[in-house]
């Protein structure tokens, strides 16, 4: 049974960094074709995919974050992490980590990737406020 558990601070001040960790059990984060994502849901808004790290450690990010996010992994303890820099109150959300697969689509404009999540953490509320 795959389980994911997020942890991190629940309150962060504006301009600081949100640092979250996702501990994974029941699956190996280096197993081929598994992708490990961070997603968030601000209050009253839709779920937003933020980025992912794959079984080889390669990362992919949503352009909407404008380079503020870094996803990393620690294979020795089977966990991955998210850092989101220069936060504002707009970054207040419930943050989720998840395991899933990548879907590659060939379009006229080129190749695009999307991610289908199969297992989720319970989510952790992070509030950005002074």
Foldseek 3Di string as FASTA:
>chain_A
DKAKAKDFDQEAEAQAKGKMKIQIPPDQQLPPQKKKWKWWDAPPGDIGTAKIAHNVGDIDGDCVLVPQKDKGADRVRRMIMIMGGRDDQVPFTWMKMFMFGWDWDQDPVGIDIDTDGDYIHPTGTHGYHD
